[in-house]
Amino acid sequence: VQTWDFVFGNIASWIDVVESIMTTKGAPKVLSVSWVATMNSFTQSQLDATNAKYLKFGLAGFTWVEGSGDWGPSLISPDCKTYVTMFPSASPYVLSVGGTKINQNSNTEQSWMHSSGGFASRIQRPAYQDKKVEHYLSTAKLPPNPNNRYETTGRALPDISAFGAFQPVFENGQHTVVGGTSAATPQIAAMVALVNIHRYQQGLGPVGV
């Protein structure tokens, strides 16, 4: 299977990467991305510009699969007033991936405590999330929310999760284990790629956004 590697490190180059991929013949339709930063690292104009690019990217048939981060749900803003989510995982036009682990006692899969998630403070919840989020809010036992430290009207993340903790790998010929949503994200990206293959076989286009 042919794979491509892209290296980028700031919000400006993210936009450049999106444009570059869309204009490159034969570029992959599914990307697995692990680099994230806190929402408060970006201005509103940067968030808006990047979201617009991701929307364009998805409509062109590409799927950006993004890890939600490995800092748990309790990252706090510099002023200690609100919880902070990760970007671009908080974009409504990317597929946000969280991490799970295996409970050794029950041998069942459950959420991993370090998997980031929550509600984006400066990106409104998209309509496709309304039904599920409202059900969650009405049934879940959420922690106290003094002074509106999290806004339930924001984009909820992650969208999906996969096995991410204590994942066995081979590195330099040696067996070891790694963990993180960076381990979970490629699994979901591979699944999306397989879905695309089946769609192509039926004469359909890629799933996109």
N, C-alpha and C. Protein backbone atom coordinates (compact mmCIF):
# COMPACT_ATOMS: atom_id res chain seq x y z
N VAL A 1 0.85 -1.18 0.00
CA VAL A 1 0.00 0.00 0.00
C VAL A 1 0.88 1.24 0.00
N GLN A 2 0.64 2.13 -0.94
CA GLN A 2 1.44 3.34 -1.01
C GLN A 2 1.01 4.32 0.08
N THR A 3 1.99 4.88 0.77
CA THR A 3 1.71 5.90 1.79
C THR A 3 2.49 7.16 1.47
N TRP A 4 1.98 8.28 1.93
CA TRP A 4 2.62 9.57 1.74
C TRP A 4 2.91 10.16 3.10
N ASP A 5 4.00 10.92 3.22
CA ASP A 5 4.34 11.62 4.46
C ASP A 5 4.35 13.12 4.21
N PHE A 6 3.69 13.86 5.10
CA PHE A 6 3.69 15.32 5.05
C PHE A 6 4.19 15.85 6.39
N VAL A 7 5.05 16.84 6.35
CA VAL A 7 5.60 17.41 7.58
C VAL A 7 5.17 18.87 7.67
N PHE A 8 4.54 19.23 8.80
CA PHE A 8 4.11 20.61 9.00
C PHE A 8 4.05 20.88 10.50
N GLY A 9 4.14 22.15 10.87
CA GLY A 9 4.25 22.43 12.30
C GLY A 9 3.51 23.65 12.80
N ASN A 10 2.76 24.33 11.97
CA ASN A 10 2.00 25.47 12.47
C ASN A 10 0.74 25.65 11.62
N ILE A 11 -0.13 26.53 12.08
CA ILE A 11 -1.44 26.69 11.44
C ILE A 11 -1.33 27.14 9.99
N ALA A 12 -0.35 28.00 9.68
CA ALA A 12 -0.19 28.49 8.32
C ALA A 12 0.18 27.35 7.38
N SER A 13 1.08 26.47 7.83
CA SER A 13 1.50 25.37 6.96
C SER A 13 0.40 24.32 6.83
N TRP A 14 -0.49 24.20 7.82
CA TRP A 14 -1.63 23.29 7.68
C TRP A 14 -2.46 23.69 6.46
N ILE A 15 -2.74 24.97 6.34
CA ILE A 15 -3.52 25.45 5.21
C ILE A 15 -2.79 25.18 3.91
N ASP A 16 -1.47 25.38 3.90
CA ASP A 16 -0.68 25.12 2.71
C ASP A 16 -0.73 23.63 2.34
N VAL A 17 -0.67 22.76 3.37
CA VAL A 17 -0.71 21.32 3.12
C VAL A 17 -2.03 20.92 2.47
N VAL A 18 -3.14 21.46 2.99
CA VAL A 18 -4.46 21.15 2.43
C VAL A 18 -4.51 21.54 0.95
N GLU A 19 -4.05 22.75 0.65
CA GLU A 19 -4.06 23.22 -0.74
C GLU A 19 -3.16 22.36 -1.61
N SER A 20 -1.99 22.00 -1.06
CA SER A 20 -1.04 21.20 -1.83
C SER A 20 -1.60 19.83 -2.15
N ILE A 21 -2.24 19.20 -1.17
CA ILE A 21 -2.79 17.86 -1.39
C ILE A 21 -3.89 17.90 -2.44
N MET A 22 -4.76 18.88 -2.34
CA MET A 22 -5.89 18.95 -3.27
C MET A 22 -5.45 19.19 -4.71
N THR A 23 -4.26 19.78 -4.89
CA THR A 23 -3.79 20.08 -6.24
C THR A 23 -2.73 19.09 -6.73
N THR A 24 -2.45 18.05 -5.93
CA THR A 24 -1.46 17.05 -6.31
C THR A 24 -2.14 15.83 -6.92
N LYS A 25 -1.79 15.50 -8.13
CA LYS A 25 -2.39 14.36 -8.82
C LYS A 25 -2.06 13.07 -8.07
N GLY A 26 -3.09 12.26 -7.82
CA GLY A 26 -2.89 10.98 -7.17
C GLY A 26 -2.70 11.04 -5.66
N ALA A 27 -2.93 12.20 -5.07
CA ALA A 27 -2.76 12.34 -3.61
C ALA A 27 -3.76 11.45 -2.88
N PRO A 28 -3.40 10.94 -1.71
CA PRO A 28 -4.31 10.06 -0.97
C PRO A 28 -5.57 10.78 -0.53
N LYS A 29 -6.68 10.06 -0.51
CA LYS A 29 -7.95 10.66 -0.11
C LYS A 29 -8.18 10.62 1.40
N VAL A 30 -7.34 9.88 2.13
CA VAL A 30 -7.49 9.77 3.58
C VAL A 30 -6.17 10.12 4.24
N LEU A 31 -6.20 11.04 5.20
CA LEU A 31 -4.99 11.43 5.91
C LEU A 31 -5.13 11.12 7.40
N SER A 32 -4.09 10.56 7.99
CA SER A 32 -4.02 10.33 9.43
C SER A 32 -3.07 11.36 10.02
N VAL A 33 -3.60 12.19 10.91
CA VAL A 33 -2.82 13.31 11.45
C VAL A 33 -2.84 13.27 12.97
N SER A 34 -1.67 13.45 13.59
CA SER A 34 -1.57 13.36 15.04
C SER A 34 -1.24 14.68 15.72
N TRP A 35 -0.77 15.67 14.96
CA TRP A 35 -0.33 16.93 15.57
C TRP A 35 -1.54 17.79 15.94
N VAL A 36 -1.64 18.16 17.21
CA VAL A 36 -2.72 19.05 17.66
C VAL A 36 -2.15 20.08 18.61
N ALA A 37 -2.91 21.14 18.84
CA ALA A 37 -2.54 22.17 19.80
C ALA A 37 -3.82 22.65 20.48
N THR A 38 -3.69 23.32 21.59
CA THR A 38 -4.87 23.78 22.32
C THR A 38 -5.59 24.88 21.53
N MET A 39 -6.89 24.95 21.70
CA MET A 39 -7.70 25.94 21.00
C MET A 39 -7.22 27.36 21.24
N ASN A 40 -6.76 27.64 22.48
CA ASN A 40 -6.36 29.00 22.79
C ASN A 40 -5.05 29.39 22.13
N SER A 41 -4.43 28.46 21.37
CA SER A 41 -3.21 28.79 20.63
C SER A 41 -3.51 29.56 19.35
N PHE A 42 -4.80 29.64 18.98
CA PHE A 42 -5.17 30.22 17.70
C PHE A 42 -6.14 31.38 17.86
N THR A 43 -6.02 32.34 16.97
CA THR A 43 -6.99 33.43 16.91
C THR A 43 -8.26 32.92 16.25
N GLN A 44 -9.34 33.66 16.42
CA GLN A 44 -10.60 33.25 15.79
C GLN A 44 -10.47 33.25 14.28
N SER A 45 -9.74 34.21 13.72
CA SER A 45 -9.57 34.27 12.27
C SER A 45 -8.80 33.06 11.75
N GLN A 46 -7.81 32.58 12.53
CA GLN A 46 -7.08 31.38 12.14
C GLN A 46 -7.98 30.15 12.16
N LEU A 47 -8.81 30.05 13.21
CA LEU A 47 -9.74 28.93 13.29
C LEU A 47 -10.71 28.95 12.12
N ASP A 48 -11.26 30.12 11.83
CA ASP A 48 -12.24 30.24 10.73
C ASP A 48 -11.61 29.90 9.38
N ALA A 49 -10.40 30.41 9.15
CA ALA A 49 -9.73 30.17 7.87
C ALA A 49 -9.41 28.69 7.68
N THR A 50 -8.96 28.04 8.76
CA THR A 50 -8.61 26.63 8.67
C THR A 50 -9.85 25.76 8.50
N ASN A 51 -10.92 26.08 9.22
CA ASN A 51 -12.17 25.33 9.07
C ASN A 51 -12.70 25.44 7.64
N ALA A 52 -12.58 26.63 7.05
CA ALA A 52 -13.03 26.81 5.67
C ALA A 52 -12.24 25.91 4.72
N LYS A 53 -10.94 25.77 4.98
CA LYS A 53 -10.11 24.90 4.14
C LYS A 53 -10.49 23.43 4.32
N TYR A 54 -10.76 23.04 5.58
CA TYR A 54 -11.16 21.65 5.83
C TYR A 54 -12.49 21.31 5.17
N LEU A 55 -13.41 22.26 5.17
CA LEU A 55 -14.69 22.06 4.49
C LEU A 55 -14.46 21.85 2.99
N LYS A 56 -13.65 22.69 2.41
CA LYS A 56 -13.32 22.56 0.98
C LYS A 56 -12.64 21.22 0.71
N PHE A 57 -11.77 20.84 1.61
CA PHE A 57 -11.03 19.57 1.52
C PHE A 57 -12.00 18.38 1.52
N GLY A 58 -12.94 18.40 2.44
CA GLY A 58 -13.91 17.31 2.53
C GLY A 58 -14.83 17.24 1.34
N LEU A 59 -15.27 18.39 0.85
CA LEU A 59 -16.16 18.41 -0.30
C LEU A 59 -15.46 17.91 -1.56
N ALA A 60 -14.13 17.99 -1.56
CA ALA A 60 -13.34 17.48 -2.70
C ALA A 60 -13.09 15.98 -2.59
N GLY A 61 -13.65 15.35 -1.52
CA GLY A 61 -13.55 13.90 -1.39
C GLY A 61 -12.46 13.41 -0.46
N PHE A 62 -11.80 14.33 0.23
CA PHE A 62 -10.73 13.95 1.16
C PHE A 62 -11.27 13.82 2.58
N THR A 63 -10.65 12.94 3.36
CA THR A 63 -11.02 12.77 4.77
C THR A 63 -9.80 13.02 5.64
N TRP A 64 -9.88 14.01 6.51
CA TRP A 64 -8.81 14.35 7.44
C TRP A 64 -9.14 13.69 8.78
N VAL A 65 -8.37 12.67 9.17
CA VAL A 65 -8.59 11.93 10.40
C VAL A 65 -7.58 12.42 11.43
N GLU A 66 -8.08 12.96 12.53
CA GLU A 66 -7.23 13.70 13.48
C GLU A 66 -7.35 13.14 14.89
N GLY A 67 -6.21 12.90 15.55
CA GLY A 67 -6.21 12.48 16.94
C GLY A 67 -6.74 13.57 17.85
N SER A 68 -7.47 13.20 18.88
CA SER A 68 -8.07 14.20 19.78
C SER A 68 -7.10 14.74 20.81
N GLY A 69 -5.93 14.07 20.97
CA GLY A 69 -4.95 14.52 21.96
C GLY A 69 -4.86 13.56 23.14
N ASP A 70 -3.78 13.69 23.90
CA ASP A 70 -3.49 12.75 24.99
C ASP A 70 -3.40 13.43 26.35
N TRP A 71 -4.21 14.44 26.56
CA TRP A 71 -4.14 15.19 27.81
C TRP A 71 -5.40 15.06 28.64
N GLY A 72 -6.22 14.09 28.31
CA GLY A 72 -7.45 13.90 29.07
C GLY A 72 -8.44 15.02 28.83
N PRO A 73 -9.54 15.04 29.59
CA PRO A 73 -10.59 16.03 29.39
C PRO A 73 -10.43 17.28 30.25
N SER A 74 -9.30 17.41 30.94
CA SER A 74 -9.24 18.45 31.98
C SER A 74 -8.23 19.56 31.72
N LEU A 75 -7.78 19.72 30.46
CA LEU A 75 -6.90 20.85 30.17
C LEU A 75 -7.64 22.15 30.48
N ILE A 76 -6.95 23.07 31.07
CA ILE A 76 -7.58 24.32 31.50
C ILE A 76 -6.92 25.48 30.78
N SER A 77 -7.68 26.53 30.51
CA SER A 77 -7.17 27.71 29.82
C SER A 77 -6.18 28.47 30.72
N PRO A 78 -5.34 29.34 30.12
CA PRO A 78 -4.36 30.08 30.92
C PRO A 78 -4.99 30.91 32.04
N ASP A 79 -6.23 31.38 31.85
CA ASP A 79 -6.87 32.17 32.90
C ASP A 79 -7.62 31.29 33.91
N CYS A 80 -7.50 29.96 33.73
CA CYS A 80 -8.11 28.98 34.65
C CYS A 80 -9.63 29.10 34.73
N LYS A 81 -10.26 29.57 33.66
CA LYS A 81 -11.72 29.76 33.68
C LYS A 81 -12.48 28.73 32.86
N THR A 82 -11.84 28.15 31.85
CA THR A 82 -12.56 27.22 30.98
C THR A 82 -11.70 26.02 30.64
N TYR A 83 -12.38 24.88 30.34
CA TYR A 83 -11.68 23.72 29.82
C TYR A 83 -11.36 23.95 28.35
N VAL A 84 -10.28 23.36 27.89
CA VAL A 84 -9.79 23.62 26.54
C VAL A 84 -9.71 22.32 25.75
N THR A 85 -10.20 22.34 24.51
CA THR A 85 -10.08 21.20 23.62
C THR A 85 -8.97 21.44 22.60
N MET A 86 -8.68 20.40 21.81
CA MET A 86 -7.58 20.45 20.85
C MET A 86 -8.07 20.86 19.46
N PHE A 87 -7.21 21.50 18.72
CA PHE A 87 -7.48 21.86 17.33
C PHE A 87 -6.29 21.39 16.49
N PRO A 88 -6.54 20.86 15.31
CA PRO A 88 -7.78 20.89 14.52
C PRO A 88 -8.78 19.76 14.82
N SER A 89 -8.55 18.98 15.86
CA SER A 89 -9.51 17.92 16.16
C SER A 89 -10.90 18.47 16.44
N ALA A 90 -10.98 19.72 16.89
CA ALA A 90 -12.27 20.34 17.19
C ALA A 90 -12.97 20.90 15.96
N SER A 91 -12.32 20.83 14.82
CA SER A 91 -12.98 21.30 13.60
C SER A 91 -14.16 20.38 13.27
N PRO A 92 -15.30 20.93 12.89
CA PRO A 92 -16.46 20.08 12.52
C PRO A 92 -16.27 19.37 11.19
N TYR A 93 -15.18 19.68 10.47
CA TYR A 93 -14.96 19.09 9.15
C TYR A 93 -13.82 18.07 9.13
N VAL A 94 -13.37 17.65 10.32
CA VAL A 94 -12.42 16.55 10.40
C VAL A 94 -13.04 15.43 11.23
N LEU A 95 -12.50 14.23 11.11
CA LEU A 95 -12.96 13.09 11.90
C LEU A 95 -12.05 12.98 13.12
N SER A 96 -12.59 13.31 14.29
CA SER A 96 -11.81 13.34 15.53
C SER A 96 -11.79 11.95 16.18
N VAL A 97 -10.58 11.48 16.53
CA VAL A 97 -10.41 10.12 17.04
C VAL A 97 -9.85 10.13 18.47
N GLY A 98 -10.56 9.48 19.37
CA GLY A 98 -10.10 9.30 20.74
C GLY A 98 -9.48 7.93 20.92
N GLY A 99 -9.04 7.64 22.15
CA GLY A 99 -8.38 6.37 22.43
C GLY A 99 -9.10 5.54 23.47
N THR A 100 -8.99 4.22 23.34
CA THR A 100 -9.54 3.30 24.32
C THR A 100 -8.42 2.41 24.86
N LYS A 101 -8.75 1.62 25.87
CA LYS A 101 -7.80 0.66 26.42
C LYS A 101 -8.55 -0.63 26.75
N ILE A 102 -7.79 -1.68 27.05
CA ILE A 102 -8.37 -2.95 27.47
C ILE A 102 -8.31 -3.04 29.00
N ASN A 103 -9.46 -3.23 29.61
CA ASN A 103 -9.50 -3.44 31.06
C ASN A 103 -9.00 -4.85 31.34
N GLN A 104 -7.86 -4.95 32.03
CA GLN A 104 -7.23 -6.25 32.25
C GLN A 104 -8.07 -7.16 33.15
N ASN A 105 -8.89 -6.57 34.00
CA ASN A 105 -9.70 -7.38 34.91
C ASN A 105 -10.90 -8.02 34.23
N SER A 106 -11.58 -7.22 33.39
CA SER A 106 -12.79 -7.72 32.74
C SER A 106 -12.57 -8.11 31.29
N ASN A 107 -11.35 -7.80 30.76
CA ASN A 107 -11.02 -8.07 29.37
C ASN A 107 -12.01 -7.42 28.41
N THR A 108 -12.41 -6.21 28.76
CA THR A 108 -13.32 -5.43 27.92
C THR A 108 -12.65 -4.11 27.53
N GLU A 109 -13.13 -3.56 26.44
CA GLU A 109 -12.60 -2.28 25.97
C GLU A 109 -13.33 -1.14 26.65
N GLN A 110 -12.59 -0.13 27.10
CA GLN A 110 -13.20 1.02 27.75
C GLN A 110 -12.41 2.28 27.42
N SER A 111 -12.93 3.42 27.77
CA SER A 111 -12.27 4.67 27.45
C SER A 111 -10.92 4.78 28.18
N TRP A 112 -9.98 5.42 27.53
CA TRP A 112 -8.63 5.62 28.09
C TRP A 112 -8.60 6.99 28.76
N MET A 113 -8.13 7.05 30.01
CA MET A 113 -8.23 8.27 30.80
C MET A 113 -7.47 9.45 30.20
N HIS A 114 -6.46 9.19 29.36
CA HIS A 114 -5.67 10.29 28.80
C HIS A 114 -6.21 10.79 27.46
N SER A 115 -7.23 10.15 26.94
CA SER A 115 -7.80 10.57 25.66
C SER A 115 -8.54 11.89 25.83
N SER A 116 -8.14 12.90 25.05
CA SER A 116 -8.74 14.23 25.17
C SER A 116 -10.13 14.27 24.53
N GLY A 117 -10.94 15.18 25.01
CA GLY A 117 -12.28 15.34 24.47
C GLY A 117 -13.02 16.45 25.21
N GLY A 118 -14.25 16.66 24.81
CA GLY A 118 -15.05 17.70 25.47
C GLY A 118 -15.84 18.49 24.45
N PHE A 119 -16.04 19.76 24.77
CA PHE A 119 -16.80 20.66 23.91
C PHE A 119 -15.94 21.86 23.54
N ALA A 120 -15.85 22.13 22.25
CA ALA A 120 -15.05 23.27 21.78
C ALA A 120 -15.70 24.58 22.20
N SER A 121 -14.90 25.48 22.72
CA SER A 121 -15.45 26.72 23.25
C SER A 121 -15.74 27.77 22.19
N ARG A 122 -15.06 27.70 21.04
CA ARG A 122 -15.24 28.74 20.02
C ARG A 122 -15.70 28.20 18.67
N ILE A 123 -16.18 26.97 18.67
CA ILE A 123 -16.72 26.37 17.45
C ILE A 123 -18.07 25.76 17.81
N GLN A 124 -19.11 26.24 17.17
CA GLN A 124 -20.45 25.78 17.49
C GLN A 124 -20.65 24.31 17.10
N ARG A 125 -21.49 23.64 17.86
CA ARG A 125 -21.82 22.26 17.57
C ARG A 125 -22.52 22.17 16.22
N PRO A 126 -22.04 21.29 15.32
CA PRO A 126 -22.71 21.12 14.03
C PRO A 126 -24.02 20.38 14.21
N ALA A 127 -24.95 20.60 13.30
CA ALA A 127 -26.29 20.02 13.42
C ALA A 127 -26.26 18.50 13.45
N TYR A 128 -25.29 17.88 12.77
CA TYR A 128 -25.26 16.42 12.73
C TYR A 128 -24.97 15.80 14.10
N GLN A 129 -24.52 16.61 15.07
CA GLN A 129 -24.25 16.10 16.41
C GLN A 129 -25.40 16.31 17.38
N ASP A 130 -26.36 17.13 17.01
CA ASP A 130 -27.40 17.56 17.97
C ASP A 130 -28.10 16.40 18.67
N LYS A 131 -28.60 15.45 17.92
CA LYS A 131 -29.39 14.37 18.51
C LYS A 131 -28.59 13.56 19.51
N LYS A 132 -27.38 13.16 19.13
CA LYS A 132 -26.55 12.33 20.00
C LYS A 132 -26.08 13.10 21.23
N VAL A 133 -25.70 14.35 21.04
CA VAL A 133 -25.19 15.14 22.17
C VAL A 133 -26.30 15.44 23.16
N GLU A 134 -27.48 15.78 22.67
CA GLU A 134 -28.59 16.05 23.57
C GLU A 134 -28.95 14.81 24.38
N HIS A 135 -28.89 13.66 23.74
CA HIS A 135 -29.15 12.41 24.47
C HIS A 135 -28.08 12.19 25.54
N TYR A 136 -26.84 12.44 25.18
CA TYR A 136 -25.73 12.28 26.13
C TYR A 136 -25.90 13.22 27.32
N LEU A 137 -26.23 14.47 27.04
CA LEU A 137 -26.37 15.46 28.11
C LEU A 137 -27.52 15.11 29.06
N SER A 138 -28.54 14.45 28.53
CA SER A 138 -29.71 14.13 29.35
C SER A 138 -29.54 12.84 30.14
N THR A 139 -28.55 12.03 29.79
CA THR A 139 -28.39 10.73 30.45
C THR A 139 -27.07 10.57 31.19
N ALA A 140 -26.05 11.31 30.81
CA ALA A 140 -24.72 11.14 31.42
C ALA A 140 -24.64 11.85 32.77
N LYS A 141 -23.78 11.34 33.61
CA LYS A 141 -23.52 11.97 34.91
C LYS A 141 -22.28 12.85 34.75
N LEU A 142 -22.51 14.09 34.36
CA LEU A 142 -21.41 15.01 34.10
C LEU A 142 -20.91 15.64 35.39
N PRO A 143 -19.64 16.02 35.43
CA PRO A 143 -19.11 16.68 36.63
C PRO A 143 -19.71 18.07 36.78
N PRO A 144 -19.60 18.66 37.96
CA PRO A 144 -20.11 20.02 38.16
C PRO A 144 -19.49 20.99 37.16
N ASN A 145 -20.24 22.00 36.79
CA ASN A 145 -19.77 22.96 35.80
C ASN A 145 -19.85 24.38 36.36
N PRO A 146 -19.04 24.69 37.38
CA PRO A 146 -19.10 26.02 37.97
C PRO A 146 -18.64 27.09 36.98
N ASN A 147 -19.40 28.17 36.93
CA ASN A 147 -19.05 29.31 36.08
C ASN A 147 -18.90 28.93 34.60
N ASN A 148 -19.67 27.91 34.17
CA ASN A 148 -19.67 27.51 32.75
C ASN A 148 -18.26 27.24 32.22
N ARG A 149 -17.54 26.37 32.91
CA ARG A 149 -16.18 26.05 32.48
C ARG A 149 -16.16 25.27 31.16
N TYR A 150 -17.24 24.63 30.81
CA TYR A 150 -17.33 24.02 29.49
C TYR A 150 -18.70 24.37 28.91
N GLU A 151 -18.73 24.57 27.57
CA GLU A 151 -19.94 25.00 26.89
C GLU A 151 -20.51 23.84 26.08
N THR A 152 -21.64 23.34 26.50
CA THR A 152 -22.21 22.17 25.83
C THR A 152 -22.80 22.50 24.46
N THR A 153 -22.80 23.76 24.08
CA THR A 153 -23.28 24.13 22.74
C THR A 153 -22.16 24.07 21.71
N GLY A 154 -20.92 23.78 22.16
CA GLY A 154 -19.79 23.71 21.25
C GLY A 154 -19.67 22.36 20.56
N ARG A 155 -18.85 22.29 19.56
CA ARG A 155 -18.60 21.05 18.82
C ARG A 155 -18.06 20.01 19.80
N ALA A 156 -18.70 18.84 19.83
CA ALA A 156 -18.29 17.77 20.74
C ALA A 156 -17.25 16.88 20.07
N LEU A 157 -16.29 16.42 20.84
CA LEU A 157 -15.27 15.53 20.33
C LEU A 157 -14.77 14.61 21.43
N PRO A 158 -14.26 13.42 21.03
CA PRO A 158 -14.05 12.93 19.67
C PRO A 158 -15.32 12.38 19.04
N ASP A 159 -15.22 12.09 17.74
CA ASP A 159 -16.35 11.50 17.03
C ASP A 159 -16.38 9.99 17.20
N ILE A 160 -15.22 9.40 17.32
CA ILE A 160 -15.08 7.94 17.36
C ILE A 160 -13.79 7.62 18.11
N SER A 161 -13.67 6.41 18.62
CA SER A 161 -12.44 6.02 19.33
C SER A 161 -11.98 4.65 18.87
N ALA A 162 -10.69 4.39 19.07
CA ALA A 162 -10.10 3.09 18.74
C ALA A 162 -9.03 2.75 19.77
N PHE A 163 -8.60 1.50 19.77
CA PHE A 163 -7.61 1.04 20.72
C PHE A 163 -6.34 1.88 20.64
N GLY A 164 -5.97 2.53 21.75
CA GLY A 164 -4.82 3.42 21.72
C GLY A 164 -3.80 3.22 22.82
N ALA A 165 -4.18 2.59 23.93
CA ALA A 165 -3.27 2.44 25.06
C ALA A 165 -2.56 1.08 25.03
N PHE A 166 -1.24 1.11 25.30
CA PHE A 166 -0.45 -0.13 25.38
C PHE A 166 -0.59 -0.96 24.10
N GLN A 167 -0.43 -0.29 22.97
CA GLN A 167 -0.56 -0.96 21.68
C GLN A 167 0.78 -1.58 21.28
N PRO A 168 0.81 -2.88 21.01
CA PRO A 168 2.07 -3.54 20.66
C PRO A 168 2.54 -3.14 19.27
N VAL A 169 3.83 -2.81 19.15
CA VAL A 169 4.43 -2.45 17.87
C VAL A 169 5.86 -3.00 17.82
N PHE A 170 6.44 -2.98 16.63
CA PHE A 170 7.86 -3.30 16.47
C PHE A 170 8.59 -2.01 16.09
N GLU A 171 9.63 -1.67 16.84
CA GLU A 171 10.42 -0.48 16.59
C GLU A 171 11.89 -0.88 16.52
N ASN A 172 12.51 -0.62 15.37
CA ASN A 172 13.90 -1.01 15.15
C ASN A 172 14.11 -2.51 15.40
N GLY A 173 13.11 -3.30 14.99
CA GLY A 173 13.21 -4.74 15.13
C GLY A 173 12.90 -5.27 16.51
N GLN A 174 12.52 -4.37 17.43
CA GLN A 174 12.25 -4.78 18.80
C GLN A 174 10.76 -4.60 19.14
N HIS A 175 10.22 -5.58 19.87
CA HIS A 175 8.83 -5.48 20.29
C HIS A 175 8.71 -4.52 21.47
N THR A 176 7.77 -3.60 21.39
CA THR A 176 7.52 -2.66 22.47
C THR A 176 6.05 -2.27 22.45
N VAL A 177 5.65 -1.43 23.36
CA VAL A 177 4.27 -0.94 23.37
C VAL A 177 4.28 0.58 23.35
N VAL A 178 3.30 1.15 22.70
CA VAL A 178 3.13 2.60 22.65
C VAL A 178 1.69 2.93 23.02
N GLY A 179 1.40 4.19 23.21
CA GLY A 179 0.04 4.57 23.53
C GLY A 179 -0.27 5.98 23.07
N GLY A 180 -1.54 6.26 22.88
CA GLY A 180 -1.96 7.60 22.52
C GLY A 180 -2.98 7.58 21.40
N THR A 181 -3.64 8.71 21.23
CA THR A 181 -4.58 8.81 20.11
C THR A 181 -3.84 8.79 18.78
N SER A 182 -2.52 9.03 18.81
CA SER A 182 -1.71 8.89 17.60
C SER A 182 -1.63 7.43 17.16
N ALA A 183 -1.85 6.50 18.08
CA ALA A 183 -1.90 5.08 17.74
C ALA A 183 -3.29 4.68 17.26
N ALA A 184 -4.31 5.34 17.80
CA ALA A 184 -5.68 5.02 17.41
C ALA A 184 -6.05 5.61 16.05
N THR A 185 -5.54 6.79 15.76
CA THR A 185 -5.94 7.52 14.55
C THR A 185 -5.64 6.76 13.25
N PRO A 186 -4.46 6.18 13.09
CA PRO A 186 -4.20 5.45 11.83
C PRO A 186 -5.14 4.26 11.63
N GLN A 187 -5.60 3.67 12.72
CA GLN A 187 -6.54 2.54 12.59
C GLN A 187 -7.84 3.00 11.94
N ILE A 188 -8.36 4.13 12.42
CA ILE A 188 -9.61 4.66 11.86
C ILE A 188 -9.38 5.12 10.42
N ALA A 189 -8.24 5.75 10.15
CA ALA A 189 -7.94 6.19 8.79
C ALA A 189 -7.90 5.00 7.84
N ALA A 190 -7.33 3.88 8.29
CA ALA A 190 -7.28 2.68 7.46
C ALA A 190 -8.69 2.15 7.18
N MET A 191 -9.56 2.23 8.17
CA MET A 191 -10.95 1.78 7.98
C MET A 191 -11.66 2.65 6.94
N VAL A 192 -11.43 3.96 7.02
CA VAL A 192 -12.04 4.87 6.04
C VAL A 192 -11.51 4.55 4.64
N ALA A 193 -10.22 4.26 4.54
CA ALA A 193 -9.63 3.93 3.25
C ALA A 193 -10.27 2.65 2.69
N LEU A 194 -10.54 1.67 3.55
CA LEU A 194 -11.20 0.43 3.10
C LEU A 194 -12.63 0.71 2.63
N VAL A 195 -13.32 1.60 3.34
CA VAL A 195 -14.66 2.00 2.91
C VAL A 195 -14.60 2.63 1.52
N ASN A 196 -13.59 3.49 1.30
CA ASN A 196 -13.43 4.11 -0.01
C ASN A 196 -13.22 3.07 -1.10
N ILE A 197 -12.39 2.05 -0.79
CA ILE A 197 -12.14 0.99 -1.78
C ILE A 197 -13.45 0.31 -2.19
N HIS A 198 -14.27 -0.02 -1.21
CA HIS A 198 -15.56 -0.65 -1.51
C HIS A 198 -16.46 0.28 -2.31
N ARG A 199 -16.41 1.56 -2.02
CA ARG A 199 -17.22 2.52 -2.77
C ARG A 199 -16.73 2.60 -4.22
N TYR A 200 -15.42 2.63 -4.41
CA TYR A 200 -14.88 2.66 -5.78
C TYR A 200 -15.33 1.45 -6.57
N GLN A 201 -15.35 0.28 -5.91
CA GLN A 201 -15.74 -0.96 -6.59
C GLN A 201 -17.20 -0.92 -7.04
N GLN A 202 -18.00 -0.07 -6.37
CA GLN A 202 -19.41 0.08 -6.73
C GLN A 202 -19.66 1.29 -7.62
N GLY A 203 -18.58 1.89 -8.09
CA GLY A 203 -18.71 3.04 -8.96
C GLY A 203 -19.02 4.34 -8.23
N LEU A 204 -18.77 4.38 -6.92
CA LEU A 204 -19.06 5.57 -6.12
C LEU A 204 -17.77 6.32 -5.81
N GLY A 205 -17.92 7.55 -5.36
CA GLY A 205 -16.77 8.35 -4.98
C GLY A 205 -16.38 8.15 -3.53
N PRO A 206 -15.28 8.76 -3.07
CA PRO A 206 -14.83 8.63 -1.69
C PRO A 206 -15.81 9.32 -0.73
N VAL A 207 -15.73 8.94 0.54
CA VAL A 207 -16.70 9.48 1.51
C VAL A 207 -16.47 10.96 1.80
N GLY A 208 -15.21 11.41 1.75
CA GLY A 208 -14.95 12.83 2.01
C GLY A 208 -15.23 13.22 3.44
N VAL A 209 -15.79 14.41 3.61
CA VAL A 209 -16.01 14.95 4.96
C VAL A 209 -17.17 14.24 5.64
